[in-house]
PDB file of N, CA and C in Angstrom:
ATOM      1  N   MET A   1       0.844  -1.171   0.000  1.00  0.00           N
ATOM      2  CA  MET A   1       0.000   0.000   0.000  1.00  0.00           C
ATOM      3  C   MET A   1       0.899   1.248   0.000  1.00  0.00           C
ATOM      4  N   ASN A   2       0.581   2.219  -0.849  1.00  0.00           N
ATOM      5  CA  ASN A   2       1.405   3.421  -0.927  1.00  0.00           C
ATOM      6  C   ASN A   2       0.858   4.526  -0.019  1.00  0.00           C
ATOM      7  N   GLU A   3       1.573   5.645   0.015  1.00  0.00           N
ATOM      8  CA  GLU A   3       1.218   6.756   0.903  1.00  0.00           C
ATOM      9  C   GLU A   3      -0.179   7.290   0.617  1.00  0.00           C
ATOM     10  N   ILE A   4      -0.515   7.425  -0.643  1.00  0.00           N
ATOM     11  CA  ILE A   4      -1.819   7.973  -1.008  1.00  0.00           C
ATOM     12  C   ILE A   4      -2.934   7.062  -0.530  1.00  0.00           C
ATOM     13  N   GLU A   5      -2.762   5.770  -0.692  1.00  0.00           N
ATOM     14  CA  GLU A   5      -3.782   4.825  -0.225  1.00  0.00           C
ATOM     15  C   GLU A   5      -3.916   4.878   1.291  1.00  0.00           C
ATOM     16  N   ARG A   6      -2.777   5.022   1.996  1.00  0.00           N
ATOM     17  CA  ARG A   6      -2.831   5.103   3.457  1.00  0.00           C
ATOM     18  C   ARG A   6      -3.531   6.387   3.905  1.00  0.00           C
ATOM     19  N   LEU A   7      -3.259   7.501   3.228  1.00  0.00           N
ATOM     20  CA  LEU A   7      -3.952   8.746   3.562  1.00  0.00           C
ATOM     21  C   LEU A   7      -5.449   8.615   3.299  1.00  0.00           C
ATOM     22  N   ARG A   8      -5.787   7.968   2.202  1.00  0.00           N
ATOM     23  CA  ARG A   8      -7.192   7.740   1.865  1.00  0.00           C
ATOM     24  C   ARG A   8      -7.870   6.912   2.964  1.00  0.00           C
ATOM     25  N   GLU A   9      -7.170   5.888   3.463  1.00  0.00           N
ATOM     26  CA  GLU A   9      -7.722   5.060   4.541  1.00  0.00           C
ATOM     27  C   GLU A   9      -7.959   5.854   5.817  1.00  0.00           C
ATOM     28  N   LYS A  10      -7.157   6.900   6.040  1.00  0.00           N
ATOM     29  CA  LYS A  10      -7.308   7.741   7.235  1.00  0.00           C
ATOM     30  C   LYS A  10      -8.435   8.760   7.075  1.00  0.00           C
ATOM     31  N   GLY A  11      -9.060   8.793   5.901  1.00  0.00           N
ATOM     32  CA  GLY A  11     -10.191   9.688   5.683  1.00  0.00           C
ATOM     33  C   GLY A  11      -9.879  10.932   4.889  1.00  0.00           C
ATOM     34  N   CYS A  12      -8.680  11.032   4.339  1.00  0.00           N
ATOM     35  CA  CYS A  12      -8.311  12.190   3.517  1.00  0.00           C
ATOM     36  C   CYS A  12      -8.900  12.029   2.123  1.00  0.00           C
ATOM     37  N   HIS A  13      -9.441  13.092   1.599  1.00  0.00           N
ATOM     38  CA  HIS A  13     -10.013  13.082   0.248  1.00  0.00           C
ATOM     39  C   HIS A  13      -8.925  13.472  -0.744  1.00  0.00           C
ATOM     40  N   VAL A  14      -7.958  12.591  -0.894  1.00  0.00           N
ATOM     41  CA  VAL A  14      -6.741  12.898  -1.646  1.00  0.00           C
ATOM     42  C   VAL A  14      -6.993  13.168  -3.130  1.00  0.00           C
ATOM     43  N   ASP A  15      -7.986  12.550  -3.705  1.00  0.00           N
ATOM     44  CA  ASP A  15      -8.222  12.732  -5.138  1.00  0.00           C
ATOM     45  C   ASP A  15      -8.520  14.191  -5.482  1.00  0.00           C
ATOM     46  N   GLU A  16      -9.296  14.857  -4.617  1.00  0.00           N
ATOM     47  CA  GLU A  16      -9.601  16.275  -4.823  1.00  0.00           C
ATOM     48  C   GLU A  16      -8.322  17.104  -4.776  1.00  0.00           C
ATOM     49  N   ALA A  17      -7.494  16.822  -3.792  1.00  0.00           N
ATOM     50  CA  ALA A  17      -6.271  17.597  -3.609  1.00  0.00           C
ATOM     51  C   ALA A  17      -5.262  17.329  -4.719  1.00  0.00           C
ATOM     52  N   ILE A  18      -5.152  16.089  -5.126  1.00  0.00           N
ATOM     53  CA  ILE A  18      -4.225  15.762  -6.218  1.00  0.00           C
ATOM     54  C   ILE A  18      -4.658  16.475  -7.497  1.00  0.00           C
ATOM     55  N   ALA A  19      -5.954  16.567  -7.720  1.00  0.00           N
ATOM     56  CA  ALA A  19      -6.450  17.307  -8.885  1.00  0.00           C
ATOM     57  C   ALA A  19      -6.025  18.772  -8.802  1.00  0.00           C
ATOM     58  N   ARG A  20      -6.057  19.352  -7.582  1.00  0.00           N
ATOM     59  CA  ARG A  20      -5.610  20.739  -7.409  1.00  0.00           C
ATOM     60  C   ARG A  20      -4.108  20.875  -7.633  1.00  0.00           C
ATOM     61  N   CYS A  21      -3.395  19.766  -7.525  1.00  0.00           N
ATOM     62  CA  CYS A  21      -1.938  19.749  -7.753  1.00  0.00           C
ATOM     63  C   CYS A  21      -1.608  19.337  -9.184  1.00  0.00           C
ATOM     64  N   GLY A  22      -2.554  19.474 -10.067  1.00  0.00           N
ATOM     65  CA  GLY A  22      -2.337  19.154 -11.471  1.00  0.00           C
ATOM     66  C   GLY A  22      -2.180  17.671 -11.732  1.00  0.00           C
ATOM     67  N   GLY A  23      -2.706  16.844 -10.827  1.00  0.00           N
ATOM     68  CA  GLY A  23      -2.625  15.393 -10.996  1.00  0.00           C
ATOM     69  C   GLY A  23      -1.265  14.813 -10.634  1.00  0.00           C
ATOM     70  N   ASP A  24      -0.415  15.596 -10.024  1.00  0.00           N
ATOM     71  CA  ASP A  24       0.951  15.181  -9.697  1.00  0.00           C
ATOM     72  C   ASP A  24       1.008  14.611  -8.274  1.00  0.00           C
ATOM     73  N   ASP A  25       0.966  13.290  -8.178  1.00  0.00           N
ATOM     74  CA  ASP A  25       0.981  12.611  -6.876  1.00  0.00           C
ATOM     75  C   ASP A  25       2.214  12.980  -6.053  1.00  0.00           C
ATOM     76  N   ALA A  26       3.370  12.992  -6.680  1.00  0.00           N
ATOM     77  CA  ALA A  26       4.616  13.276  -5.954  1.00  0.00           C
ATOM     78  C   ALA A  26       4.597  14.690  -5.383  1.00  0.00           C
ATOM     79  N   PHE A  27       4.127  15.645  -6.170  1.00  0.00           N
ATOM     80  CA  PHE A  27       4.037  17.035  -5.697  1.00  0.00           C
ATOM     81  C   PHE A  27       3.072  17.120  -4.523  1.00  0.00           C
ATOM     82  N   TYR A  28       1.934  16.445  -4.637  1.00  0.00           N
ATOM     83  CA  TYR A  28       0.952  16.423  -3.550  1.00  0.00           C
ATOM     84  C   TYR A  28       1.592  15.883  -2.271  1.00  0.00           C
ATOM     85  N   LEU A  29       2.279  14.757  -2.370  1.00  0.00           N
ATOM     86  CA  LEU A  29       2.896  14.165  -1.183  1.00  0.00           C
ATOM     87  C   LEU A  29       3.966  15.072  -0.586  1.00  0.00           C
ATOM     88  N   GLU A  30       4.668  15.789  -1.440  1.00  0.00           N
ATOM     89  CA  GLU A  30       5.665  16.752  -0.964  1.00  0.00           C
ATOM     90  C   GLU A  30       4.981  17.861  -0.153  1.00  0.00           C
ATOM     91  N   LEU A  31       3.857  18.344  -0.647  1.00  0.00           N
ATOM     92  CA  LEU A  31       3.116  19.376   0.063  1.00  0.00           C
ATOM     93  C   LEU A  31       2.549  18.858   1.382  1.00  0.00           C
ATOM     94  N   VAL A  32       2.094  17.621   1.386  1.00  0.00           N
ATOM     95  CA  VAL A  32       1.576  17.026   2.623  1.00  0.00           C
ATOM     96  C   VAL A  32       2.683  16.965   3.665  1.00  0.00           C
ATOM     97  N   GLN A  33       3.865  16.545   3.263  1.00  0.00           N
ATOM     98  CA  GLN A  33       4.983  16.488   4.212  1.00  0.00           C
ATOM     99  C   GLN A  33       5.275  17.867   4.796  1.00  0.00           C
ATOM    100  N   LEU A  34       5.253  18.886   3.963  1.00  0.00           N
ATOM    101  CA  LEU A  34       5.462  20.252   4.450  1.00  0.00           C
ATOM    102  C   LEU A  34       4.343  20.670   5.403  1.00  0.00           C
ATOM    103  N   ALA A  35       3.120  20.285   5.085  1.00  0.00           N
ATOM    104  CA  ALA A  35       1.969  20.647   5.920  1.00  0.00           C
ATOM    105  C   ALA A  35       2.022  19.976   7.285  1.00  0.00           C
ATOM    106  N   LEU A  36       2.650  18.822   7.341  1.00  0.00           N
ATOM    107  CA  LEU A  36       2.693  18.069   8.599  1.00  0.00           C
ATOM    108  C   LEU A  36       3.932  18.386   9.437  1.00  0.00           C
ATOM    109  N   ALA A  37       4.712  19.359   9.011  1.00  0.00           N
ATOM    110  CA  ALA A  37       5.911  19.732   9.771  1.00  0.00           C
ATOM    111  C   ALA A  37       5.510  20.129  11.189  1.00  0.00           C
ATOM    112  N   LYS A  38       6.114  19.479  12.150  1.00  0.00           N
ATOM    113  CA  LYS A  38       5.732  19.670  13.548  1.00  0.00           C
ATOM    114  C   LYS A  38       5.905  21.120  14.006  1.00  0.00           C
ATOM    115  N   GLU A  39       6.864  21.817  13.441  1.00  0.00           N
ATOM    116  CA  GLU A  39       7.115  23.202  13.839  1.00  0.00           C
ATOM    117  C   GLU A  39       5.888  24.089  13.632  1.00  0.00           C
ATOM    118  N   ARG A  40       5.111  23.795  12.621  1.00  0.00           N
ATOM    119  CA  ARG A  40       3.900  24.570  12.326  1.00  0.00           C
ATOM    120  C   ARG A  40       2.941  24.524  13.516  1.00  0.00           C
ATOM    121  N   TYR A  41       2.790  23.361  14.103  1.00  0.00           N
ATOM    122  CA  TYR A  41       1.848  23.162  15.205  1.00  0.00           C
ATOM    123  C   TYR A  41       2.414  23.694  16.512  1.00  0.00           C
ATOM    124  N   GLU A  42       3.693  23.457  16.719  1.00  0.00           N
ATOM    125  CA  GLU A  42       4.353  23.979  17.912  1.00  0.00           C
ATOM    126  C   GLU A  42       4.384  25.499  17.888  1.00  0.00           C
ATOM    127  N   GLY A  43       4.485  26.063  16.682  1.00  0.00           N
ATOM    128  CA  GLY A  43       4.495  27.513  16.537  1.00  0.00           C
ATOM    129  C   GLY A  43       3.199  28.149  17.007  1.00  0.00           C
ATOM    130  N   ILE A  44       2.080  27.541  16.662  1.00  0.00           N
ATOM    131  CA  ILE A  44       0.786  28.067  17.111  1.00  0.00           C
ATOM    132  C   ILE A  44       0.712  28.025  18.629  1.00  0.00           C
ATOM    133  N   LYS A  45       1.131  26.918  19.199  1.00  0.00           N
ATOM    134  CA  LYS A  45       1.114  26.771  20.658  1.00  0.00           C
ATOM    135  C   LYS A  45       1.985  27.840  21.315  1.00  0.00           C
ATOM    136  N   LEU A  46       3.162  28.066  20.776  1.00  0.00           N
ATOM    137  CA  LEU A  46       4.071  29.069  21.329  1.00  0.00           C
ATOM    138  C   LEU A  46       3.483  30.475  21.209  1.00  0.00           C
ATOM    139  N   LEU A  47       2.857  30.773  20.091  1.00  0.00           N
ATOM    140  CA  LEU A  47       2.242  32.086  19.917  1.00  0.00           C
ATOM    141  C   LEU A  47       1.145  32.328  20.955  1.00  0.00           C
ATOM    142  N   VAL A  48       0.351  31.314  21.243  1.00  0.00           N
ATOM    143  CA  VAL A  48      -0.697  31.447  22.265  1.00  0.00           C
ATOM    144  C   VAL A  48      -0.060  31.618  23.643  1.00  0.00           C
ATOM    145  N   GLU A  49       0.951  30.793  23.930  1.00  0.00           N
ATOM    146  CA  GLU A  49       1.608  30.874  25.232  1.00  0.00           C
ATOM    147  C   GLU A  49       2.250  32.234  25.475  1.00  0.00           C
ATOM    148  N   THR A  50       2.734  32.864  24.418  1.00  0.00           N
ATOM    149  CA  THR A  50       3.367  34.180  24.558  1.00  0.00           C
ATOM    150  C   THR A  50       2.359  35.310  24.344  1.00  0.00           C
ATOM    151  N   LYS A  51       1.091  34.946  24.319  1.00  0.00           N
ATOM    152  CA  LYS A  51      -0.012  35.904  24.194  1.00  0.00           C
ATOM    153  C   LYS A  51       0.013  36.707  22.890  1.00  0.00           C
ATOM    154  N   ASN A  52       0.597  36.137  21.869  1.00  0.00           N
ATOM    155  CA  ASN A  52       0.590  36.760  20.544  1.00  0.00           C
ATOM    156  C   ASN A  52      -0.624  36.204  19.799  1.00  0.00           C
ATOM    157  N   TYR A  53      -1.797  36.678  20.175  1.00  0.00           N
ATOM    158  CA  TYR A  53      -3.032  36.135  19.634  1.00  0.00           C
ATOM    159  C   TYR A  53      -3.239  36.491  18.162  1.00  0.00           C
ATOM    160  N   LYS A  54      -2.757  37.642  17.761  1.00  0.00           N
ATOM    161  CA  LYS A  54      -2.842  38.005  16.344  1.00  0.00           C
ATOM    162  C   LYS A  54      -2.006  37.030  15.513  1.00  0.00           C
ATOM    163  N   GLY A  55      -0.776  36.772  15.945  1.00  0.00           N
ATOM    164  CA  GLY A  55       0.087  35.824  15.244  1.00  0.00           C
ATOM    165  C   GLY A  55      -0.481  34.418  15.269  1.00  0.00           C
ATOM    166  N   ALA A  56      -1.064  34.035  16.405  1.00  0.00           N
ATOM    167  CA  ALA A  56      -1.665  32.701  16.530  1.00  0.00           C
ATOM    168  C   ALA A  56      -2.850  32.564  15.582  1.00  0.00           C
ATOM    169  N   PHE A  57      -3.659  33.620  15.502  1.00  0.00           N
ATOM    170  CA  PHE A  57      -4.794  33.587  14.576  1.00  0.00           C
ATOM    171  C   PHE A  57      -4.306  33.447  13.140  1.00  0.00           C
ATOM    172  N   GLU A  58      -3.302  34.240  12.764  1.00  0.00           N
ATOM    173  CA  GLU A  58      -2.784  34.181  11.406  1.00  0.00           C
ATOM    174  C   GLU A  58      -2.189  32.810  11.094  1.00  0.00           C
ATOM    175  N   ALA A  59      -1.479  32.224  12.050  1.00  0.00           N
ATOM    176  CA  ALA A  59      -0.890  30.894  11.843  1.00  0.00           C
ATOM    177  C   ALA A  59      -1.975  29.823  11.739  1.00  0.00           C
ATOM    178  N   ALA A  60      -2.991  29.919  12.595  1.00  0.00           N
ATOM    179  CA  ALA A  60      -4.092  28.946  12.549  1.00  0.00           C
ATOM    180  C   ALA A  60      -4.879  29.088  11.248  1.00  0.00           C
ATOM    181  N   HIS A  61      -5.082  30.322  10.817  1.00  0.00           N
ATOM    182  CA  HIS A  61      -5.808  30.568   9.572  1.00  0.00           C
ATOM    183  C   HIS A  61      -5.033  29.982   8.383  1.00  0.00           C
ATOM    184  N   ALA A  62      -3.721  30.165   8.391  1.00  0.00           N
ATOM    185  CA  ALA A  62      -2.884  29.592   7.325  1.00  0.00           C
ATOM    186  C   ALA A  62      -2.941  28.069   7.363  1.00  0.00           C
ATOM    187  N   LEU A  63      -2.868  27.497   8.557  1.00  0.00           N
ATOM    188  CA  LEU A  63      -2.952  26.043   8.696  1.00  0.00           C
ATOM    189  C   LEU A  63      -4.288  25.531   8.171  1.00  0.00           C
ATOM    190  N   LYS A  64      -5.354  26.238   8.504  1.00  0.00           N
ATOM    191  CA  LYS A  64      -6.686  25.856   8.019  1.00  0.00           C
ATOM    192  C   LYS A  64      -6.681  25.790   6.492  1.00  0.00           C
ATOM    193  N   GLY A  65      -6.139  26.808   5.858  1.00  0.00           N
ATOM    194  CA  GLY A  65      -6.087  26.820   4.397  1.00  0.00           C
ATOM    195  C   GLY A  65      -5.290  25.665   3.836  1.00  0.00           C
ATOM    196  N   VAL A  66      -4.182  25.358   4.474  1.00  0.00           N
ATOM    197  CA  VAL A  66      -3.326  24.261   4.011  1.00  0.00           C
ATOM    198  C   VAL A  66      -4.049  22.924   4.123  1.00  0.00           C
ATOM    199  N   VAL A  67      -4.632  22.636   5.292  1.00  0.00           N
ATOM    200  CA  VAL A  67      -5.260  21.313   5.458  1.00  0.00           C
ATOM    201  C   VAL A  67      -6.495  21.175   4.571  1.00  0.00           C
ATOM    202  N   ILE A  68      -7.203  22.280   4.329  1.00  0.00           N
ATOM    203  CA  ILE A  68      -8.363  22.202   3.438  1.00  0.00           C
ATOM    204  C   ILE A  68      -7.908  21.994   2.000  1.00  0.00           C
ATOM    205  N   ASN A  69      -6.924  22.764   1.547  1.00  0.00           N
ATOM    206  CA  ASN A  69      -6.454  22.629   0.163  1.00  0.00           C
ATOM    207  C   ASN A  69      -5.830  21.269  -0.108  1.00  0.00           C
ATOM    208  N   LEU A  70      -5.205  20.670   0.900  1.00  0.00           N
ATOM    209  CA  LEU A  70      -4.595  19.350   0.717  1.00  0.00           C
ATOM    210  C   LEU A  70      -5.559  18.220   1.073  1.00  0.00           C
ATOM    211  N   SER A  71      -6.783  18.586   1.423  1.00  0.00           N
ATOM    212  CA  SER A  71      -7.826  17.604   1.777  1.00  0.00           C
ATOM    213  C   SER A  71      -7.371  16.660   2.880  1.00  0.00           C
ATOM    214  N   LEU A  72      -6.724  17.222   3.884  1.00  0.00           N
ATOM    215  CA  LEU A  72      -6.370  16.445   5.077  1.00  0.00           C
ATOM    216  C   LEU A  72      -7.595  16.474   5.981  1.00  0.00           C
ATOM    217  N   THR A  73      -8.619  15.825   5.501  1.00  0.00           N
ATOM    218  CA  THR A  73      -9.982  15.916   5.988  1.00  0.00           C
ATOM    219  C   THR A  73     -10.130  15.737   7.498  1.00  0.00           C
ATOM    220  N   PRO A  74      -9.446  14.776   8.133  1.00  0.00           N
ATOM    221  CA  PRO A  74      -9.623  14.631   9.580  1.00  0.00           C
ATOM    222  C   PRO A  74      -9.189  15.857  10.379  1.00  0.00           C
ATOM    223  N   MET A  75      -8.361  16.695   9.792  1.00  0.00           N
ATOM    224  CA  MET A  75      -7.853  17.868  10.499  1.00  0.00           C
ATOM    225  C   MET A  75      -8.649  19.137  10.189  1.00  0.00           C
ATOM    226  N   GLU A  76      -9.483  19.094   9.178  1.00  0.00           N
ATOM    227  CA  GLU A  76     -10.140  20.307   8.700  1.00  0.00           C
ATOM    228  C   GLU A  76     -10.991  20.979   9.767  1.00  0.00           C
ATOM    229  N   GLN A  77     -11.918  20.258  10.375  1.00  0.00           N
ATOM    230  CA  GLN A  77     -12.833  20.886  11.329  1.00  0.00           C
ATOM    231  C   GLN A  77     -12.091  21.377  12.566  1.00  0.00           C
ATOM    232  N   ILE A  78     -11.067  20.663  12.975  1.00  0.00           N
ATOM    233  CA  ILE A  78     -10.274  21.099  14.127  1.00  0.00           C
ATOM    234  C   ILE A  78      -9.601  22.434  13.799  1.00  0.00           C
ATOM    235  N   ALA A  79      -9.022  22.540  12.620  1.00  0.00           N
ATOM    236  CA  ALA A  79      -8.351  23.778  12.212  1.00  0.00           C
ATOM    237  C   ALA A  79      -9.359  24.922  12.075  1.00  0.00           C
ATOM    238  N   ILE A  80     -10.534  24.626  11.566  1.00  0.00           N
ATOM    239  CA  ILE A  80     -11.583  25.641  11.447  1.00  0.00           C
ATOM    240  C   ILE A  80     -11.990  26.133  12.830  1.00  0.00           C
ATOM    241  N   ASP A  81     -12.248  25.204  13.735  1.00  0.00           N
ATOM    242  CA  ASP A  81     -12.659  25.573  15.099  1.00  0.00           C
ATOM    243  C   ASP A  81     -11.586  26.395  15.801  1.00  0.00           C
ATOM    244  N   MET A  82     -10.341  25.984  15.662  1.00  0.00           N
ATOM    245  CA  MET A  82      -9.248  26.687  16.308  1.00  0.00           C
ATOM    246  C   MET A  82      -9.129  28.107  15.746  1.00  0.00           C
ATOM    247  N   THR A  83      -9.255  28.246  14.455  1.00  0.00           N
ATOM    248  CA  THR A  83      -9.185  29.570  13.831  1.00  0.00           C
ATOM    249  C   THR A  83     -10.290  30.475  14.363  1.00  0.00           C
ATOM    250  N   GLU A  84     -11.482  29.939  14.462  1.00  0.00           N
ATOM    251  CA  GLU A  84     -12.606  30.750  14.954  1.00  0.00           C
ATOM    252  C   GLU A  84     -12.415  31.127  16.419  1.00  0.00           C
ATOM    253  N   LYS A  85     -11.855  30.237  17.214  1.00  0.00           N
ATOM    254  CA  LYS A  85     -11.582  30.572  18.620  1.00  0.00           C
ATOM    255  C   LYS A  85     -10.552  31.687  18.730  1.00  0.00           C
ATOM    256  N   LEU A  86      -9.618  31.725  17.789  1.00  0.00           N
ATOM    257  CA  LEU A  86      -8.565  32.743  17.814  1.00  0.00           C
ATOM    258  C   LEU A  86      -8.967  34.043  17.115  1.00  0.00           C
ATOM    259  N   ARG A  87     -10.040  34.020  16.361  1.00  0.00           N
ATOM    260  CA  ARG A  87     -10.438  35.198  15.575  1.00  0.00           C
ATOM    261  C   ARG A  87     -10.558  36.463  16.429  1.00  0.00           C
ATOM    262  N   PRO A  88     -11.117  36.403  17.650  1.00  0.00           N
ATOM    263  CA  PRO A  88     -11.209  37.629  18.465  1.00  0.00           C
ATOM    264  C   PRO A  88      -9.845  38.114  18.994  1.00  0.00           C
ATOM    265  N   GLN A  89      -8.820  37.299  18.819  1.00  0.00           N
ATOM    266  CA  GLN A  89      -7.468  37.626  19.262  1.00  0.00           C
ATOM    267  C   GLN A  89      -7.444  37.956  20.747  1.00  0.00           C
ATOM    268  N   GLN A  90      -8.094  37.079  21.514  1.00  0.00           N
ATOM    269  CA  GLN A  90      -8.185  37.183  22.965  1.00  0.00           C
ATOM    270  C   GLN A  90      -7.675  35.883  23.578  1.00  0.00           C
ATOM    271  N   PRO A  91      -7.363  35.881  24.875  1.00  0.00           N
ATOM    272  CA  PRO A  91      -6.930  34.635  25.527  1.00  0.00           C
ATOM    273  C   PRO A  91      -7.947  33.509  25.302  1.00  0.00           C
ATOM    274  N   VAL A  92      -7.414  32.334  25.005  1.00  0.00           N
ATOM    275  CA  VAL A  92      -8.271  31.186  24.703  1.00  0.00           C
ATOM    276  C   VAL A  92      -7.515  29.912  25.049  1.00  0.00           C
ATOM    277  N   ASP A  93      -8.261  28.898  25.458  1.00  0.00           N
ATOM    278  CA  ASP A  93      -7.665  27.595  25.748  1.00  0.00           C
ATOM    279  C   ASP A  93      -7.768  26.734  24.495  1.00  0.00           C
ATOM    280  N   LEU A  94      -6.633  26.443  23.909  1.00  0.00           N
ATOM    281  CA  LEU A  94      -6.591  25.616  22.702  1.00  0.00           C
ATOM    282  C   LEU A  94      -6.023  24.231  22.970  1.00  0.00           C
ATOM    283  N   SER A  95      -5.917  23.861  24.241  1.00  0.00           N
ATOM    284  CA  SER A  95      -5.246  22.606  24.564  1.00  0.00           C
ATOM    285  C   SER A  95      -5.905  21.404  23.887  1.00  0.00           C
ATOM    286  N   GLU A  96      -7.224  21.339  23.892  1.00  0.00           N
ATOM    287  CA  GLU A  96      -7.903  20.209  23.246  1.00  0.00           C
ATOM    288  C   GLU A  96      -7.717  20.234  21.736  1.00  0.00           C
ATOM    289  N   ASP A  97      -7.809  21.419  21.154  1.00  0.00           N
ATOM    290  CA  ASP A  97      -7.633  21.546  19.705  1.00  0.00           C
ATOM    291  C   ASP A  97      -6.225  21.129  19.294  1.00  0.00           C
ATOM    292  N   LEU A  98      -5.241  21.634  20.006  1.00  0.00           N
ATOM    293  CA  LEU A  98      -3.851  21.303  19.669  1.00  0.00           C
ATOM    294  C   LEU A  98      -3.566  19.826  19.885  1.00  0.00           C
ATOM    295  N   THR A  99      -4.123  19.247  20.942  1.00  0.00           N
ATOM    296  CA  THR A  99      -3.941  17.812  21.172  1.00  0.00           C
ATOM    297  C   THR A  99      -4.535  17.008  20.021  1.00  0.00           C
ATOM    298  N   ALA A 100      -5.736  17.380  19.602  1.00  0.00           N
ATOM    299  CA  ALA A 100      -6.394  16.674  18.489  1.00  0.00           C
ATOM    300  C   ALA A 100      -5.613  16.870  17.184  1.00  0.00           C
ATOM    301  N   LEU A 101      -5.159  18.089  16.929  1.00  0.00           N
ATOM    302  CA  LEU A 101      -4.382  18.337  15.713  1.00  0.00           C
ATOM    303  C   LEU A 101      -3.093  17.532  15.706  1.00  0.00           C
ATOM    304  N   LEU A 102      -2.399  17.511  16.846  1.00  0.00           N
ATOM    305  CA  LEU A 102      -1.147  16.751  16.911  1.00  0.00           C
ATOM    306  C   LEU A 102      -1.398  15.254  16.750  1.00  0.00           C
ATOM    307  N   HIS A 103      -2.514  14.774  17.296  1.00  0.00           N
ATOM    308  CA  HIS A 103      -2.871  13.356  17.114  1.00  0.00           C
ATOM    309  C   HIS A 103      -3.006  13.044  15.621  1.00  0.00           C
ATOM    310  N   TRP A 104      -3.772  13.869  14.906  1.00  0.00           N
ATOM    311  CA  TRP A 104      -3.978  13.621  13.479  1.00  0.00           C
ATOM    312  C   TRP A 104      -2.718  13.869  12.683  1.00  0.00           C
ATOM    313  N   ARG A 105      -1.930  14.868  13.072  1.00  0.00           N
ATOM    314  CA  ARG A 105      -0.663  15.123  12.388  1.00  0.00           C
ATOM    315  C   ARG A 105       0.221  13.889  12.477  1.00  0.00           C
ATOM    316  N   ASP A 106       0.328  13.333  13.684  1.00  0.00           N
ATOM    317  CA  ASP A 106       1.154  12.133  13.878  1.00  0.00           C
ATOM    318  C   ASP A 106       0.595  10.946  13.100  1.00  0.00           C
ATOM    319  N   SER A 107      -0.722  10.812  13.118  1.00  0.00           N
ATOM    320  CA  SER A 107      -1.373   9.706  12.421  1.00  0.00           C
ATOM    321  C   SER A 107      -1.164   9.801  10.907  1.00  0.00           C
ATOM    322  N   LEU A 108      -1.296  10.997  10.370  1.00  0.00           N
ATOM    323  CA  LEU A 108      -1.110  11.162   8.928  1.00  0.00           C
ATOM    324  C   LEU A 108       0.371  11.093   8.552  1.00  0.00           C
ATOM    325  N   GLU A 109       1.228  11.609   9.408  1.00  0.00           N
ATOM    326  CA  GLU A 109       2.658  11.527   9.130  1.00  0.00           C
ATOM    327  C   GLU A 109       3.112  10.067   9.054  1.00  0.00           C
ATOM    328  N   ALA A 110       2.487   9.204   9.842  1.00  0.00           N
ATOM    329  CA  ALA A 110       2.825   7.782   9.826  1.00  0.00           C
ATOM    330  C   ALA A 110       2.491   7.143   8.483  1.00  0.00           C
ATOM    331  N   CYS A 111       1.652   7.782   7.694  1.00  0.00           N
ATOM    332  CA  CYS A 111       1.283   7.281   6.371  1.00  0.00           C
ATOM    333  C   CYS A 111       2.380   7.546   5.344  1.00  0.00           C
ATOM    334  N   MET A 112       3.262   8.451   5.656  1.00  0.00           N
ATOM    335  CA  MET A 112       4.245   8.919   4.679  1.00  0.00           C
ATOM    336  C   MET A 112       5.469   8.025   4.609  1.00  0.00           C
TER     337      MET A 112
END
C-alpha cells in the first residue's frame, strides 16, 4: 500500500487535492509532508503561550487553508474551530484543539 492509499484510509479526500496539484501525486505528497511539519503546530502553541493572539490567529488561519487545500480531511474541522476561537485575538484555551491536531498530524505523518 502506498502513501496515497494510506492517507485515503485515514479519511483524507486525496483525489480532490491531487487534482488541485495538477494530478501530480509526488508534488501532492511533498506538500503534505510540508503541511505536517511539527514546527507549524508547535508555533501556534508558542504564539498562544506568549499571548501573541494576532500571530496565533494568522498561523491557525494559514494552517486551516493548508489542510483544506490538501484535503487532510480529519484535520479540517479542528483547524476551522481553532481559527474561529482565535479570531477575536483574545486569551483562549486551545489545549484540546492542539492535542487533536497533533494526534492527526502524527497519524497522517505515519502514512508517509
